[in-house]
Protein backbone atom coordinates (compact mmCIF):
# COMPACT_ATOMS: atom_id res chain seq x y z
CA MET A 1 -23.55 166.23 57.96
CA ALA A 2 -21.99 166.31 61.42
CA GLN A 3 -24.02 167.35 64.43
CA GLU A 4 -22.80 168.34 67.87
CA HIS A 5 -24.58 166.99 70.93
CA LYS A 6 -24.06 168.48 74.40
CA ILE A 7 -24.52 165.55 76.79
CA GLY A 8 -23.97 167.20 80.17
CA GLY A 9 -21.22 168.01 82.61
CA LEU A 10 -17.94 166.17 83.05
CA ALA A 11 -18.70 165.79 86.79
CA GLN A 12 -21.31 163.10 85.99
CA ILE A 13 -18.47 160.70 85.00
CA PRO A 14 -15.96 160.03 87.80
CA LYS A 15 -12.30 160.11 86.77
CA GLY A 16 -11.13 156.72 85.53
CA GLU A 17 -14.64 155.57 84.59
CA GLY A 18 -17.08 155.45 81.72
CA ARG A 19 -20.82 156.01 81.33
CA ASN A 20 -23.30 155.26 78.57
CA PHE A 21 -25.32 158.07 77.00
CA ARG A 22 -28.13 157.95 74.48
CA VAL A 23 -27.01 160.37 71.75
CA GLY A 24 -28.42 160.94 68.28
CA GLY A 25 -30.44 157.72 68.34
CA ARG A 26 -27.66 155.45 69.60
CA THR A 27 -25.84 154.51 72.78
CA VAL A 28 -22.32 155.89 73.14
CA ALA A 29 -19.80 155.06 75.89
CA VAL A 30 -18.02 158.17 77.20
CA PHE A 31 -14.86 157.91 79.30
CA HIS A 32 -13.20 160.40 81.69
CA THR A 33 -9.51 159.64 82.14
CA GLN A 34 -7.51 160.36 85.29
CA ALA A 35 -5.80 163.10 83.25
CA GLY A 36 -9.17 164.81 82.73
CA GLU A 37 -9.56 163.91 79.04
CA VAL A 38 -12.76 162.60 77.48
CA TYR A 39 -13.16 159.91 74.83
CA ALA A 40 -16.26 158.42 73.23
CA THR A 41 -16.71 155.01 71.61
CA GLN A 42 -19.37 152.55 70.61
CA ALA A 43 -21.08 151.14 73.70
CA ALA A 44 -20.58 147.42 73.01
CA CYS A 45 -17.29 145.61 72.50
CA PRO A 46 -16.90 144.44 68.88
CA HIS A 47 -15.60 141.08 70.15
CA ARG A 48 -18.64 139.80 72.08
CA ASN A 49 -20.76 142.88 72.86
CA GLY A 50 -19.34 143.45 76.35
CA PRO A 51 -20.50 146.69 78.03
CA LEU A 52 -17.46 148.91 77.45
CA ALA A 53 -18.56 151.64 79.91
CA ASP A 54 -18.13 149.01 82.67
CA GLY A 55 -14.55 148.26 81.60
CA LEU A 56 -11.35 149.15 83.43
CA LEU A 57 -9.66 152.37 82.34
CA GLY A 58 -5.92 152.94 82.77
CA GLY A 59 -4.57 156.03 81.05
CA THR A 60 -6.09 155.80 77.57
CA THR A 61 -6.31 151.99 77.61
CA LEU A 62 -9.75 150.45 78.06
CA ILE A 63 -10.11 146.80 79.12
CA CYS A 64 -13.39 145.12 78.15
CA PRO A 65 -15.06 143.65 81.26
CA LEU A 66 -16.03 140.37 79.56
CA HIS A 67 -12.90 139.02 77.92
CA GLU A 68 -10.16 141.48 78.92
CA ARG A 69 -9.60 142.84 75.42
CA ALA A 70 -7.44 146.01 75.58
CA PHE A 71 -8.31 148.98 73.36
CA ASP A 72 -6.51 152.31 72.89
CA LEU A 73 -9.09 155.09 73.23
CA ARG A 74 -6.99 157.40 71.05
CA SER A 75 -6.98 155.10 68.01
CA GLY A 76 -9.71 152.53 68.71
CA GLU A 77 -7.22 149.72 68.03
CA GLU A 78 -7.04 146.54 70.08
CA ALA A 79 -3.55 145.49 71.12
CA GLY A 80 -2.35 142.59 68.94
CA SER A 81 -5.53 142.35 66.83
CA ASP A 82 -7.33 143.91 63.90
CA CYS A 83 -10.43 144.46 66.06
CA ARG A 84 -11.30 148.19 66.35
CA LEU A 85 -13.69 150.43 68.21
CA THR A 86 -15.75 153.09 66.52
CA LEU A 87 -14.64 156.41 67.99
CA TYR A 88 -16.66 159.63 68.19
CA PRO A 89 -15.06 163.08 68.53
CA ALA A 90 -15.52 164.35 72.10
CA ARG A 91 -14.44 167.65 73.59
CA LEU A 92 -14.87 169.72 76.71
CA MET A 93 -16.37 173.18 76.70
CA SER A 94 -15.05 175.93 78.97
CA ASP A 95 -17.94 175.21 81.39
CA HIS A 96 -16.78 171.53 81.61
CA SER A 97 -19.72 170.22 79.58
CA ILE A 98 -19.06 167.36 77.16
CA VAL A 99 -19.83 167.75 73.45
CA LEU A 100 -19.90 164.79 71.06
CA THR A 101 -19.88 165.10 67.29
CA LEU A 102 -21.77 162.49 65.28
CA SER A 103 -21.95 162.36 61.52
CA GLY A 104 -25.24 161.58 59.78
CA ASP A 105 -23.94 158.01 59.33
CA ASP A 106 -23.28 157.73 63.09
CA ALA A 107 -26.64 159.05 64.20
CA GLY A 108 -28.84 156.23 63.07
C-alpha cells in the first residue's frame, strides 16, 4: 500500500542541489533541478555507496561525488551501464511543499 509523505517546502533545497530526508523509515535523496522539478532517489549510490545528495546536478543528470557515475533522474539509469537507482515518486503541491510516495516495500 502506497503512502504519501509531506517532507517540507521546496525552498529548503536550493536549485541545482539535493538533500537527504528521513522518510518512512529510510533515507531518501531529494533533488531540486534548475527547472524547478523535484526527483527522489535512494540516498546511496549503488556502485560504492557514495552520498548522492552531495552529487553534481545538471538538468536531470546526477553525477555521484565519489566515482563520477552519471544517472538520469527520470529513469534511474546510469549512462553506459546496467546500474540503476531506485526512484520514488515526488511531486509539488500548490503551496510548494514536496510530497513523496513510498510503497509498503519502500518504507522499511
